[in-house]
Amino acid sequence: MLEENEPSSQYFTLTELVGHDKQDSAVRRAGENIGKEGWAARIFARQKENTYWENKESCYVPKFTGTGWQLAVLADLGVSSEDPRFANAVDHFFELHNVETGGFSIRPKNQKGFEPHVCNTGNMVRALAKAGYSRDDRVQEAMSWLLSKQLSDFAWNCAPSGKHGSFLATVEPMWALSEMIEHEHRAEWKEAAAKSSEFVLRHKVYKSDRDDSVVLFDFLKIHYPTHYCYDFLHGLRVLAELGIPRDERMDDALRLLRAKQLVDGRWPLEAVYRGWRQSHPMHGAETVSRPEERELVTEGWGTDRTLQLEEAGKPSKWMTLQALLVLKRLGLLEPRS
């Protein structure tokens, strides 16, 4: 994880796992190289006109190679608004998808169905806040809109008619809250985060609250990116980033995490969501979803329309980092002698 060829994993290992000061020379060097080398650089290499990816008319489709998906991963990797390529793409996203009354749409402006969407808003608030836009009025209004959509069980559901929260729709607003709270400790944000965390804990991170069964078997596989989907490690990561302390209702998920650790101490990237087989002819017109976007690549590499950092089925720097950070934040990482 400290190899210089992947500055994102090197930077976050040094700062968040090892605890080095951000002014440390190695940390500064790694931070400066994010976007110039490694995963983020390869994503930027596919950018068009230093502004967008694949589809100029929509940042949401095709899944998962449109602009919004790239921005979410780039922000997670440590790219910020200081990079003009990122800032240009954010301006493009706001122009197409910002709803003035709050939230972000999955469809572009001037198209039928232009209205805020829970999952897209959660993903993008988290990404934008992490990249330096937490004080932007559009991000703040989007966060307020998300809070207005929190259900009586303190979770979220992307379906307008949904009355019960779902893991898939709840994790994005929670992740958004974790990043917004990092920049500003608003009481209503902290309250919403605490209540939604209780929803996840009540379900033991990945189980039904009715019969203790696994909600979806995909939840048992470690993915990256998760996009708008979910797995048990992502649930643990969001809880840990929100500062939720160790709770016995995490124990099943933590045992599963330990069981997936390889003999050399690393964790694998078990699966990647493939995305669309082809990017046309549905660029934001007929539909925004296709069945194949839920299909998994479990070995090797997907196509050019699969947003993928590492080879599926192999040990992963990024997954290992996230697993170790979860254990550290929960006080479960044994100090090295």
C-alpha atoms as a PDB file:
ATOM      1  CA  MET A   1       0.000   0.000   0.000  1.00  0.00           C
ATOM      2  CA  LEU A   2       3.004   2.285   0.340  1.00  0.00           C
ATOM      3  CA  GLU A   3       4.301   1.689  -3.172  1.00  0.00           C
ATOM      4  CA  GLU A   4       4.751   4.983  -4.990  1.00  0.00           C
ATOM      5  CA  ASN A   5       3.105   3.767  -8.201  1.00  0.00           C
ATOM      6  CA  GLU A   6      -0.331   4.199  -6.543  1.00  0.00           C
ATOM      7  CA  PRO A   7      -0.171   7.557  -4.749  1.00  0.00           C
ATOM      8  CA  SER A   8      -3.806   7.400  -3.561  1.00  0.00           C
ATOM      9  CA  SER A   9      -3.285   4.255  -1.507  1.00  0.00           C
ATOM     10  CA  GLN A  10       0.121   5.530  -0.392  1.00  0.00           C
ATOM     11  CA  TYR A  11      -1.309   8.886   0.734  1.00  0.00           C
ATOM     12  CA  PHE A  12      -4.224   7.489   2.737  1.00  0.00           C
ATOM     13  CA  THR A  13      -2.090   4.726   4.230  1.00  0.00           C
ATOM     14  CA  LEU A  14       0.387   7.302   5.475  1.00  0.00           C
ATOM     15  CA  THR A  15      -2.151   9.821   6.749  1.00  0.00           C
ATOM     16  CA  GLU A  16      -5.138   7.779   7.965  1.00  0.00           C
ATOM     17  CA  LEU A  17      -3.654   4.380   8.769  1.00  0.00           C
ATOM     18  CA  VAL A  18      -0.128   5.181   9.958  1.00  0.00           C
ATOM     19  CA  GLY A  19      -0.932   8.689  11.197  1.00  0.00           C
ATOM     20  CA  HIS A  20       1.783  10.746   9.517  1.00  0.00           C
ATOM     21  CA  ASP A  21       1.439  14.519   9.487  1.00  0.00           C
ATOM     22  CA  LYS A  22       0.178  15.927   6.174  1.00  0.00           C
ATOM     23  CA  GLN A  23       3.269  18.138   6.025  1.00  0.00           C
ATOM     24  CA  ASP A  24       5.549  15.098   6.054  1.00  0.00           C
ATOM     25  CA  SER A  25       7.633  15.060   2.878  1.00  0.00           C
ATOM     26  CA  ALA A  26       6.496  11.586   1.824  1.00  0.00           C
ATOM     27  CA  VAL A  27       2.851  12.526   2.395  1.00  0.00           C
ATOM     28  CA  ARG A  28       3.171  15.742   0.415  1.00  0.00           C
ATOM     29  CA  ARG A  29       4.892  13.926  -2.436  1.00  0.00           C
ATOM     30  CA  ALA A  30       2.179  11.277  -2.557  1.00  0.00           C
ATOM     31  CA  GLY A  31      -0.574  13.900  -2.467  1.00  0.00           C
ATOM     32  CA  GLU A  32       1.025  15.857  -5.292  1.00  0.00           C
ATOM     33  CA  ASN A  33       1.191  12.720  -7.436  1.00  0.00           C
ATOM     34  CA  ILE A  34      -2.537  11.897  -7.127  1.00  0.00           C
ATOM     35  CA  GLY A  35      -3.946  12.535 -10.573  1.00  0.00           C
ATOM     36  CA  LYS A  36      -0.519  12.397 -12.169  1.00  0.00           C
ATOM     37  CA  GLU A  37       0.168   8.695 -11.682  1.00  0.00           C
ATOM     38  CA  GLY A  38      -1.769   5.557 -10.871  1.00  0.00           C
ATOM     39  CA  TRP A  39      -5.516   5.017 -10.724  1.00  0.00           C
ATOM     40  CA  ALA A  40      -6.655   8.641 -10.822  1.00  0.00           C
ATOM     41  CA  ALA A  41      -4.311   9.434 -13.696  1.00  0.00           C
ATOM     42  CA  ARG A  42      -5.729   6.548 -15.719  1.00  0.00           C
ATOM     43  CA  ILE A  43      -9.254   7.839 -15.132  1.00  0.00           C
ATOM     44  CA  PHE A  44      -8.251  11.340 -16.242  1.00  0.00           C
ATOM     45  CA  ALA A  45      -6.629   9.875 -19.356  1.00  0.00           C
ATOM     46  CA  ARG A  46     -10.106   8.926 -20.583  1.00  0.00           C
ATOM     47  CA  GLN A  47     -11.570  12.376 -19.979  1.00  0.00           C
ATOM     48  CA  LYS A  48     -12.759  14.294 -23.029  1.00  0.00           C
ATOM     49  CA  GLU A  49     -12.108  18.006 -23.558  1.00  0.00           C
ATOM     50  CA  ASN A  50     -10.764  18.132 -19.983  1.00  0.00           C
ATOM     51  CA  THR A  51     -14.404  18.217 -18.913  1.00  0.00           C
ATOM     52  CA  TYR A  52     -16.482  15.030 -19.222  1.00  0.00           C
ATOM     53  CA  TRP A  53     -16.369  11.282 -19.702  1.00  0.00           C
ATOM     54  CA  GLU A  54     -18.052   9.430 -22.562  1.00  0.00           C
ATOM     55  CA  ASN A  55     -21.351  11.311 -22.763  1.00  0.00           C
ATOM     56  CA  LYS A  56     -21.439  15.099 -22.952  1.00  0.00           C
ATOM     57  CA  GLU A  57     -25.225  15.232 -22.585  1.00  0.00           C
ATOM     58  CA  SER A  58     -25.490  13.372 -19.266  1.00  0.00           C
ATOM     59  CA  CYS A  59     -23.220  12.775 -16.268  1.00  0.00           C
ATOM     60  CA  TYR A  60     -25.259   9.772 -15.138  1.00  0.00           C
ATOM     61  CA  VAL A  61     -25.318   7.522 -18.185  1.00  0.00           C
ATOM     62  CA  PRO A  62     -23.868   5.295 -19.342  1.00  0.00           C
ATOM     63  CA  LYS A  63     -23.430   3.465 -16.071  1.00  0.00           C
ATOM     64  CA  PHE A  64     -20.750   3.396 -14.786  1.00  0.00           C
ATOM     65  CA  THR A  65     -18.566   5.371 -17.150  1.00  0.00           C
ATOM     66  CA  GLY A  66     -20.399   8.704 -17.217  1.00  0.00           C
ATOM     67  CA  THR A  67     -18.950  11.783 -15.551  1.00  0.00           C
ATOM     68  CA  GLY A  68     -20.678  11.516 -12.175  1.00  0.00           C
ATOM     69  CA  TRP A  69     -19.358   8.023 -11.499  1.00  0.00           C
ATOM     70  CA  GLN A  70     -15.818   9.100 -12.365  1.00  0.00           C
ATOM     71  CA  LEU A  71     -16.066  12.109 -10.052  1.00  0.00           C
ATOM     72  CA  ALA A  72     -17.221   9.927  -7.148  1.00  0.00           C
ATOM     73  CA  VAL A  73     -14.226   7.614  -7.497  1.00  0.00           C
ATOM     74  CA  LEU A  74     -11.740  10.431  -8.112  1.00  0.00           C
ATOM     75  CA  ALA A  75     -12.872  12.201  -4.935  1.00  0.00           C
ATOM     76  CA  ASP A  76     -12.518   8.960  -2.983  1.00  0.00           C
ATOM     77  CA  LEU A  77      -8.982   8.633  -4.344  1.00  0.00           C
ATOM     78  CA  GLY A  78      -8.062  12.084  -3.059  1.00  0.00           C
ATOM     79  CA  VAL A  79      -8.505  14.312  -6.117  1.00  0.00           C
ATOM     80  CA  SER A  80      -9.751  17.780  -5.192  1.00  0.00           C
ATOM     81  CA  SER A  81     -11.188  20.906  -6.736  1.00  0.00           C
ATOM     82  CA  GLU A  82      -7.626  22.203  -7.067  1.00  0.00           C
ATOM     83  CA  ASP A  83      -7.240  19.981 -10.126  1.00  0.00           C
ATOM     84  CA  PRO A  84      -8.763  21.949 -13.031  1.00  0.00           C
ATOM     85  CA  ARG A  85      -9.804  18.726 -14.784  1.00  0.00           C
ATOM     86  CA  PHE A  86     -11.920  17.816 -11.770  1.00  0.00           C
ATOM     87  CA  ALA A  87     -13.255  21.363 -11.351  1.00  0.00           C
ATOM     88  CA  ASN A  88     -14.272  21.516 -15.024  1.00  0.00           C
ATOM     89  CA  ALA A  89     -16.174  18.248 -14.673  1.00  0.00           C
ATOM     90  CA  VAL A  90     -17.930  19.495 -11.526  1.00  0.00           C
ATOM     91  CA  ASP A  91     -19.052  22.666 -13.310  1.00  0.00           C
ATOM     92  CA  HIS A  92     -20.383  20.471 -16.105  1.00  0.00           C
ATOM     93  CA  PHE A  93     -22.215  18.273 -13.579  1.00  0.00           C
ATOM     94  CA  PHE A  94     -23.825  21.257 -11.852  1.00  0.00           C
ATOM     95  CA  GLU A  95     -24.935  22.690 -15.178  1.00  0.00           C
ATOM     96  CA  LEU A  96     -26.675  19.461 -16.192  1.00  0.00           C
ATOM     97  CA  HIS A  97     -27.925  17.901 -12.955  1.00  0.00           C
ATOM     98  CA  ASN A  98     -28.334  20.465 -10.172  1.00  0.00           C
ATOM     99  CA  VAL A  99     -31.965  20.986  -9.181  1.00  0.00           C
ATOM    100  CA  GLU A 100     -32.376  24.550  -7.902  1.00  0.00           C
ATOM    101  CA  THR A 101     -34.802  23.515  -5.173  1.00  0.00           C
ATOM    102  CA  GLY A 102     -32.244  21.012  -3.837  1.00  0.00           C
ATOM    103  CA  GLY A 103     -30.706  17.706  -4.846  1.00  0.00           C
ATOM    104  CA  PHE A 104     -29.249  16.258  -8.018  1.00  0.00           C
ATOM    105  CA  SER A 105     -31.180  14.580 -10.808  1.00  0.00           C
ATOM    106  CA  ILE A 106     -30.238  11.418 -12.662  1.00  0.00           C
ATOM    107  CA  ARG A 107     -31.552  13.068 -15.826  1.00  0.00           C
ATOM    108  CA  PRO A 108     -30.164  16.270 -17.326  1.00  0.00           C
ATOM    109  CA  LYS A 109     -32.014  19.560 -17.406  1.00  0.00           C
ATOM    110  CA  ASN A 110     -34.724  20.060 -19.996  1.00  0.00           C
ATOM    111  CA  GLN A 111     -35.510  16.362 -20.009  1.00  0.00           C
ATOM    112  CA  LYS A 112     -38.612  14.681 -18.639  1.00  0.00           C
ATOM    113  CA  GLY A 113     -38.020  13.413 -15.122  1.00  0.00           C
ATOM    114  CA  PHE A 114     -35.600  16.167 -14.121  1.00  0.00           C
ATOM    115  CA  GLU A 115     -36.004  15.910 -10.359  1.00  0.00           C
ATOM    116  CA  PRO A 116     -33.713  15.103  -7.426  1.00  0.00           C
ATOM    117  CA  HIS A 117     -32.823  11.477  -6.816  1.00  0.00           C
ATOM    118  CA  VAL A 118     -31.778  10.108  -3.421  1.00  0.00           C
ATOM    119  CA  CYS A 119     -28.945   7.802  -4.483  1.00  0.00           C
ATOM    120  CA  ASN A 120     -27.392  10.186  -6.999  1.00  0.00           C
ATOM    121  CA  THR A 121     -27.670  13.093  -4.567  1.00  0.00           C
ATOM    122  CA  GLY A 122     -26.048  11.122  -1.765  1.00  0.00           C
ATOM    123  CA  ASN A 123     -23.187   9.925  -3.947  1.00  0.00           C
ATOM    124  CA  MET A 124     -22.481  13.364  -5.335  1.00  0.00           C
ATOM    125  CA  VAL A 125     -22.790  15.284  -2.066  1.00  0.00           C
ATOM    126  CA  ARG A 126     -20.223  12.935  -0.575  1.00  0.00           C
ATOM    127  CA  ALA A 127     -17.885  13.258  -3.559  1.00  0.00           C
ATOM    128  CA  LEU A 128     -18.213  17.030  -3.863  1.00  0.00           C
ATOM    129  CA  ALA A 129     -17.793  17.628  -0.140  1.00  0.00           C
ATOM    130  CA  LYS A 130     -14.686  15.437  -0.026  1.00  0.00           C
ATOM    131  CA  ALA A 131     -13.221  17.307  -2.992  1.00  0.00           C
ATOM    132  CA  GLY A 132     -13.650  20.741  -1.410  1.00  0.00           C
ATOM    133  CA  TYR A 133     -17.219  21.813  -2.197  1.00  0.00           C
ATOM    134  CA  SER A 134     -18.828  21.295   1.224  1.00  0.00           C
ATOM    135  CA  ARG A 135     -19.596  25.024   1.573  1.00  0.00           C
ATOM    136  CA  ASP A 136     -21.038  25.360  -1.927  1.00  0.00           C
ATOM    137  CA  ASP A 137     -24.690  26.444  -1.714  1.00  0.00           C
ATOM    138  CA  ARG A 138     -25.743  23.748  -4.179  1.00  0.00           C
ATOM    139  CA  VAL A 139     -24.148  21.030  -2.062  1.00  0.00           C
ATOM    140  CA  GLN A 140     -25.640  22.438   1.133  1.00  0.00           C
ATOM    141  CA  GLU A 141     -29.107  22.586  -0.430  1.00  0.00           C
ATOM    142  CA  ALA A 142     -28.714  19.037  -1.710  1.00  0.00           C
ATOM    143  CA  MET A 143     -27.844  17.864   1.801  1.00  0.00           C
ATOM    144  CA  SER A 144     -30.918  19.616   3.171  1.00  0.00           C
ATOM    145  CA  TRP A 145     -33.073  17.955   0.528  1.00  0.00           C
ATOM    146  CA  LEU A 146     -31.671  14.549   1.513  1.00  0.00           C
ATOM    147  CA  LEU A 147     -32.602  15.124   5.149  1.00  0.00           C
ATOM    148  CA  SER A 148     -36.137  15.996   4.080  1.00  0.00           C
ATOM    149  CA  LYS A 149     -36.396  12.544   2.471  1.00  0.00           C
ATOM    150  CA  GLN A 150     -35.342  10.540   5.520  1.00  0.00           C
ATOM    151  CA  LEU A 151     -38.144   8.079   6.322  1.00  0.00           C
ATOM    152  CA  SER A 152     -39.829   7.256   9.610  1.00  0.00           C
ATOM    153  CA  ASP A 153     -37.406   4.335  10.125  1.00  0.00           C
ATOM    154  CA  PHE A 154     -34.579   6.898   9.705  1.00  0.00           C
ATOM    155  CA  ALA A 155     -33.349   5.373   6.441  1.00  0.00           C
ATOM    156  CA  TRP A 156     -33.930   6.260   2.784  1.00  0.00           C
ATOM    157  CA  ASN A 157     -35.541   4.663  -0.261  1.00  0.00           C
ATOM    158  CA  CYS A 158     -34.976   5.711  -3.867  1.00  0.00           C
ATOM    159  CA  ALA A 159     -38.472   4.634  -4.904  1.00  0.00           C
ATOM    160  CA  PRO A 160     -40.925   7.531  -4.408  1.00  0.00           C
ATOM    161  CA  SER A 161     -43.478   5.077  -3.026  1.00  0.00           C
ATOM    162  CA  GLY A 162     -40.994   3.358  -0.719  1.00  0.00           C
ATOM    163  CA  LYS A 163     -41.974   3.522   2.962  1.00  0.00           C
ATOM    164  CA  HIS A 164     -39.205   1.314   4.363  1.00  0.00           C
ATOM    165  CA  GLY A 165     -35.535   2.112   4.082  1.00  0.00           C
ATOM    166  CA  SER A 166     -33.200   0.065   1.900  1.00  0.00           C
ATOM    167  CA  PHE A 167     -29.479  -0.531   2.298  1.00  0.00           C
ATOM    168  CA  LEU A 168     -28.865   0.536  -1.280  1.00  0.00           C
ATOM    169  CA  ALA A 169     -30.561   3.908  -0.839  1.00  0.00           C
ATOM    170  CA  THR A 170     -29.454   4.579   2.738  1.00  0.00           C
ATOM    171  CA  VAL A 171     -25.701   4.198   2.479  1.00  0.00           C
ATOM    172  CA  GLU A 172     -25.290   7.131   0.054  1.00  0.00           C
ATOM    173  CA  PRO A 173     -26.920   9.775   2.293  1.00  0.00           C
ATOM    174  CA  MET A 174     -25.024   8.359   5.269  1.00  0.00           C
ATOM    175  CA  TRP A 175     -21.737   8.643   3.390  1.00  0.00           C
ATOM    176  CA  ALA A 176     -22.672  12.178   2.390  1.00  0.00           C
ATOM    177  CA  LEU A 177     -23.363  12.998   6.035  1.00  0.00           C
ATOM    178  CA  SER A 178     -20.000  11.556   7.113  1.00  0.00           C
ATOM    179  CA  GLU A 179     -18.160  13.939   4.826  1.00  0.00           C
ATOM    180  CA  MET A 180     -20.331  17.002   5.488  1.00  0.00           C
ATOM    181  CA  ILE A 181     -19.978  16.508   9.255  1.00  0.00           C
ATOM    182  CA  GLU A 182     -16.214  16.296   8.761  1.00  0.00           C
ATOM    183  CA  HIS A 183     -16.328  19.921   7.579  1.00  0.00           C
ATOM    184  CA  GLU A 184     -19.155  21.303   9.731  1.00  0.00           C
ATOM    185  CA  HIS A 185     -20.692  19.871  12.911  1.00  0.00           C
ATOM    186  CA  ARG A 186     -24.349  20.708  12.387  1.00  0.00           C
ATOM    187  CA  ALA A 187     -26.668  19.245  14.980  1.00  0.00           C
ATOM    188  CA  GLU A 188     -29.294  18.149  12.438  1.00  0.00           C
ATOM    189  CA  TRP A 189     -26.668  16.328  10.379  1.00  0.00           C
ATOM    190  CA  LYS A 190     -25.288  14.505  13.395  1.00  0.00           C
ATOM    191  CA  GLU A 191     -28.785  13.532  14.503  1.00  0.00           C
ATOM    192  CA  ALA A 192     -29.666  12.200  11.040  1.00  0.00           C
ATOM    193  CA  ALA A 193     -26.394  10.268  10.932  1.00  0.00           C
ATOM    194  CA  ALA A 194     -26.967   8.713  14.343  1.00  0.00           C
ATOM    195  CA  LYS A 195     -30.517   7.647  13.504  1.00  0.00           C
ATOM    196  CA  SER A 196     -29.594   6.172  10.110  1.00  0.00           C
ATOM    197  CA  SER A 197     -26.644   4.362  11.666  1.00  0.00           C
ATOM    198  CA  GLU A 198     -29.065   2.743  14.079  1.00  0.00           C
ATOM    199  CA  PHE A 199     -31.048   1.485  11.063  1.00  0.00           C
ATOM    200  CA  VAL A 200     -27.932  -0.230   9.676  1.00  0.00           C
ATOM    201  CA  LEU A 201     -26.975  -1.649  13.079  1.00  0.00           C
ATOM    202  CA  ARG A 202     -30.482  -2.932  13.667  1.00  0.00           C
ATOM    203  CA  HIS A 203     -29.975  -4.965  10.480  1.00  0.00           C
ATOM    204  CA  LYS A 204     -26.526  -6.145  11.639  1.00  0.00           C
ATOM    205  CA  VAL A 205     -25.013  -4.328   8.630  1.00  0.00           C
ATOM    206  CA  TYR A 206     -26.260  -6.758   5.971  1.00  0.00           C
ATOM    207  CA  LYS A 207     -29.168  -8.802   7.335  1.00  0.00           C
ATOM    208  CA  SER A 208     -32.939  -8.762   7.388  1.00  0.00           C
ATOM    209  CA  ASP A 209     -34.462  -7.528  10.633  1.00  0.00           C
ATOM    210  CA  ARG A 210     -37.222 -10.136  10.274  1.00  0.00           C
ATOM    211  CA  ASP A 211     -35.324 -13.420  10.126  1.00  0.00           C
ATOM    212  CA  ASP A 212     -31.594 -12.572  10.325  1.00  0.00           C
ATOM    213  CA  SER A 213     -30.987 -13.815   6.776  1.00  0.00           C
ATOM    214  CA  VAL A 214     -28.677 -12.070   4.315  1.00  0.00           C
ATOM    215  CA  VAL A 215     -30.681  -9.468   2.394  1.00  0.00           C
ATOM    216  CA  LEU A 216     -28.781  -9.984  -0.890  1.00  0.00           C
ATOM    217  CA  PHE A 217     -25.894 -12.383  -1.445  1.00  0.00           C
ATOM    218  CA  ASP A 218     -24.051  -9.608  -3.305  1.00  0.00           C
ATOM    219  CA  PHE A 219     -23.762  -7.896   0.098  1.00  0.00           C
ATOM    220  CA  LEU A 220     -21.277 -10.623   1.083  1.00  0.00           C
ATOM    221  CA  LYS A 221     -18.765  -9.768  -1.655  1.00  0.00           C
ATOM    222  CA  ILE A 222     -16.238  -6.958  -1.360  1.00  0.00           C
ATOM    223  CA  HIS A 223     -16.714  -4.573  -4.294  1.00  0.00           C
ATOM    224  CA  TYR A 224     -15.089  -1.394  -5.506  1.00  0.00           C
ATOM    225  CA  PRO A 225     -16.545   0.894  -6.644  1.00  0.00           C
ATOM    226  CA  THR A 226     -19.865   0.121  -5.009  1.00  0.00           C
ATOM    227  CA  HIS A 227     -21.531   2.858  -7.130  1.00  0.00           C
ATOM    228  CA  TYR A 228     -25.087   2.954  -5.756  1.00  0.00           C
ATOM    229  CA  CYS A 229     -24.921  -0.661  -4.577  1.00  0.00           C
ATOM    230  CA  TYR A 230     -23.833  -2.065  -1.217  1.00  0.00           C
ATOM    231  CA  ASP A 231     -21.746  -4.629   0.580  1.00  0.00           C
ATOM    232  CA  PHE A 232     -20.968  -5.367   4.208  1.00  0.00           C
ATOM    233  CA  LEU A 233     -17.511  -3.752   4.094  1.00  0.00           C
ATOM    234  CA  HIS A 234     -18.932  -0.563   2.624  1.00  0.00           C
ATOM    235  CA  GLY A 235     -21.518  -0.527   5.400  1.00  0.00           C
ATOM    236  CA  LEU A 236     -18.790  -0.928   8.013  1.00  0.00           C
ATOM    237  CA  ARG A 237     -16.696   1.738   6.312  1.00  0.00           C
ATOM    238  CA  VAL A 238     -19.502   4.303   6.390  1.00  0.00           C
ATOM    239  CA  LEU A 239     -20.322   3.555  10.027  1.00  0.00           C
ATOM    240  CA  ALA A 240     -16.643   3.865  10.981  1.00  0.00           C
ATOM    241  CA  GLU A 241     -16.216   7.109   9.043  1.00  0.00           C
ATOM    242  CA  LEU A 242     -19.241   8.511  10.875  1.00  0.00           C
ATOM    243  CA  GLY A 243     -17.435   7.762  14.134  1.00  0.00           C
ATOM    244  CA  ILE A 244     -19.939   5.138  15.295  1.00  0.00           C
ATOM    245  CA  PRO A 245     -18.234   3.182  18.107  1.00  0.00           C
ATOM    246  CA  ARG A 246     -17.846  -0.580  18.162  1.00  0.00           C
ATOM    247  CA  ASP A 247     -21.222  -2.260  18.643  1.00  0.00           C
ATOM    248  CA  GLU A 248     -21.974  -5.956  19.081  1.00  0.00           C
ATOM    249  CA  ARG A 249     -24.387  -5.715  16.154  1.00  0.00           C
ATOM    250  CA  MET A 250     -21.322  -5.231  13.934  1.00  0.00           C
ATOM    251  CA  ASP A 251     -19.829  -8.539  15.070  1.00  0.00           C
ATOM    252  CA  ASP A 252     -21.230 -10.734  12.285  1.00  0.00           C
ATOM    253  CA  ALA A 253     -19.906  -8.326   9.655  1.00  0.00           C
ATOM    254  CA  LEU A 254     -16.552  -8.063  11.415  1.00  0.00           C
ATOM    255  CA  ARG A 255     -16.215 -11.851  11.568  1.00  0.00           C
ATOM    256  CA  LEU A 256     -16.952 -11.966   7.864  1.00  0.00           C
ATOM    257  CA  LEU A 257     -14.312  -9.315   7.236  1.00  0.00           C
ATOM    258  CA  ARG A 258     -11.707 -11.289   9.191  1.00  0.00           C
ATOM    259  CA  ALA A 259     -12.647 -14.479   7.346  1.00  0.00           C
ATOM    260  CA  LYS A 260     -11.925 -12.832   4.006  1.00  0.00           C
ATOM    261  CA  GLN A 261      -8.409 -11.765   4.985  1.00  0.00           C
ATOM    262  CA  LEU A 262      -5.814 -13.690   2.994  1.00  0.00           C
ATOM    263  CA  VAL A 263      -2.912 -15.560   4.569  1.00  0.00           C
ATOM    264  CA  ASP A 264      -0.529 -12.742   3.646  1.00  0.00           C
ATOM    265  CA  GLY A 265      -2.701 -10.214   5.513  1.00  0.00           C
ATOM    266  CA  ARG A 266      -4.302  -8.612   2.465  1.00  0.00           C
ATOM    267  CA  TRP A 267      -7.931  -8.559   1.338  1.00  0.00           C
ATOM    268  CA  PRO A 268      -9.120  -9.301  -2.211  1.00  0.00           C
ATOM    269  CA  LEU A 269     -11.269  -7.294  -4.574  1.00  0.00           C
ATOM    270  CA  GLU A 270     -13.948  -9.942  -4.937  1.00  0.00           C
ATOM    271  CA  ALA A 271     -16.147  -8.309  -7.555  1.00  0.00           C
ATOM    272  CA  VAL A 272     -16.764  -5.280  -9.755  1.00  0.00           C
ATOM    273  CA  TYR A 273     -20.093  -4.179 -11.208  1.00  0.00           C
ATOM    274  CA  ARG A 274     -19.692  -4.475 -14.956  1.00  0.00           C
ATOM    275  CA  GLY A 275     -21.901  -1.628 -16.130  1.00  0.00           C
ATOM    276  CA  TRP A 276     -23.537  -1.340 -19.514  1.00  0.00           C
ATOM    277  CA  ARG A 277     -22.478  -3.601 -22.375  1.00  0.00           C
ATOM    278  CA  GLN A 278     -22.742  -0.693 -24.794  1.00  0.00           C
ATOM    279  CA  SER A 279     -23.234   2.996 -24.265  1.00  0.00           C
ATOM    280  CA  HIS A 280     -25.879   3.581 -26.952  1.00  0.00           C
ATOM    281  CA  PRO A 281     -28.588   4.302 -27.982  1.00  0.00           C
ATOM    282  CA  MET A 282     -29.938   5.164 -24.526  1.00  0.00           C
ATOM    283  CA  HIS A 283     -27.905   8.221 -23.577  1.00  0.00           C
ATOM    284  CA  GLY A 284     -30.349   9.694 -21.118  1.00  0.00           C
ATOM    285  CA  ALA A 285     -33.315   9.277 -23.428  1.00  0.00           C
ATOM    286  CA  GLU A 286     -35.205   6.012 -23.113  1.00  0.00           C
ATOM    287  CA  THR A 287     -33.803   4.730 -19.826  1.00  0.00           C
ATOM    288  CA  VAL A 288     -31.058   5.152 -17.248  1.00  0.00           C
ATOM    289  CA  SER A 289     -30.943   1.520 -16.128  1.00  0.00           C
ATOM    290  CA  ARG A 290     -30.155  -1.825 -17.728  1.00  0.00           C
ATOM    291  CA  PRO A 291     -30.052  -5.320 -16.229  1.00  0.00           C
ATOM    292  CA  GLU A 292     -26.387  -5.868 -17.009  1.00  0.00           C
ATOM    293  CA  GLU A 293     -25.240  -3.021 -14.770  1.00  0.00           C
ATOM    294  CA  ARG A 294     -25.864  -5.374 -11.808  1.00  0.00           C
ATOM    295  CA  GLU A 295     -23.772  -8.169 -13.287  1.00  0.00           C
ATOM    296  CA  LEU A 296     -20.500  -8.906 -11.537  1.00  0.00           C
ATOM    297  CA  VAL A 297     -16.974  -9.348 -12.787  1.00  0.00           C
ATOM    298  CA  THR A 298     -15.450 -11.737 -10.237  1.00  0.00           C
ATOM    299  CA  GLU A 299     -12.214 -12.581 -12.064  1.00  0.00           C
ATOM    300  CA  GLY A 300      -9.999 -10.416 -14.204  1.00  0.00           C
ATOM    301  CA  TRP A 301     -11.068  -7.247 -15.954  1.00  0.00           C
ATOM    302  CA  GLY A 302     -14.324  -5.979 -17.356  1.00  0.00           C
ATOM    303  CA  THR A 303     -14.740  -3.974 -20.536  1.00  0.00           C
ATOM    304  CA  ASP A 304     -13.926  -0.328 -21.189  1.00  0.00           C
ATOM    305  CA  ARG A 305     -17.345   0.409 -19.689  1.00  0.00           C
ATOM    306  CA  THR A 306     -16.407  -1.123 -16.333  1.00  0.00           C
ATOM    307  CA  LEU A 307     -15.034   1.426 -13.874  1.00  0.00           C
ATOM    308  CA  GLN A 308     -12.342  -0.712 -12.281  1.00  0.00           C
ATOM    309  CA  LEU A 309      -9.109   0.122 -10.453  1.00  0.00           C
ATOM    310  CA  GLU A 310      -7.736  -3.353  -9.789  1.00  0.00           C
ATOM    311  CA  GLU A 311      -8.101  -6.901 -11.053  1.00  0.00           C
ATOM    312  CA  ALA A 312     -11.093  -8.758  -9.649  1.00  0.00           C
ATOM    313  CA  GLY A 313     -10.335 -11.921  -7.716  1.00  0.00           C
ATOM    314  CA  LYS A 314      -6.861 -10.725  -6.704  1.00  0.00           C
ATOM    315  CA  PRO A 315      -5.390  -9.100  -3.581  1.00  0.00           C
ATOM    316  CA  SER A 316      -6.289  -5.416  -3.538  1.00  0.00           C
ATOM    317  CA  LYS A 317      -4.421  -2.429  -2.161  1.00  0.00           C
ATOM    318  CA  TRP A 318      -7.588  -0.351  -1.902  1.00  0.00           C
ATOM    319  CA  MET A 319      -9.708  -3.041  -0.250  1.00  0.00           C
ATOM    320  CA  THR A 320      -6.910  -3.880   2.172  1.00  0.00           C
ATOM    321  CA  LEU A 321      -6.620  -0.209   3.099  1.00  0.00           C
ATOM    322  CA  GLN A 322     -10.370   0.112   3.679  1.00  0.00           C
ATOM    323  CA  ALA A 323     -10.512  -3.061   5.774  1.00  0.00           C
ATOM    324  CA  LEU A 324      -7.615  -1.939   7.954  1.00  0.00           C
ATOM    325  CA  LEU A 325      -9.093   1.546   8.369  1.00  0.00           C
ATOM    326  CA  VAL A 326     -12.388   0.034   9.534  1.00  0.00           C
ATOM    327  CA  LEU A 327     -10.555  -2.064  12.116  1.00  0.00           C
ATOM    328  CA  LYS A 328      -8.473   0.908  13.243  1.00  0.00           C
ATOM    329  CA  ARG A 329     -11.449   3.246  13.604  1.00  0.00           C
ATOM    330  CA  LEU A 330     -13.295   0.624  15.635  1.00  0.00           C
ATOM    331  CA  GLY A 331     -10.286   0.084  17.891  1.00  0.00           C
ATOM    332  CA  LEU A 332      -9.692  -3.452  16.636  1.00  0.00           C
ATOM    333  CA  LEU A 333      -6.386  -3.073  14.810  1.00  0.00           C
ATOM    334  CA  GLU A 334      -3.574  -4.589  16.792  1.00  0.00           C
ATOM    335  CA  PRO A 335      -0.578  -2.203  16.984  1.00  0.00           C
ATOM    336  CA  ARG A 336       2.571  -3.426  15.338  1.00  0.00           C
ATOM    337  CA  SER A 337       5.350  -4.298  17.738  1.00  0.00           C
END
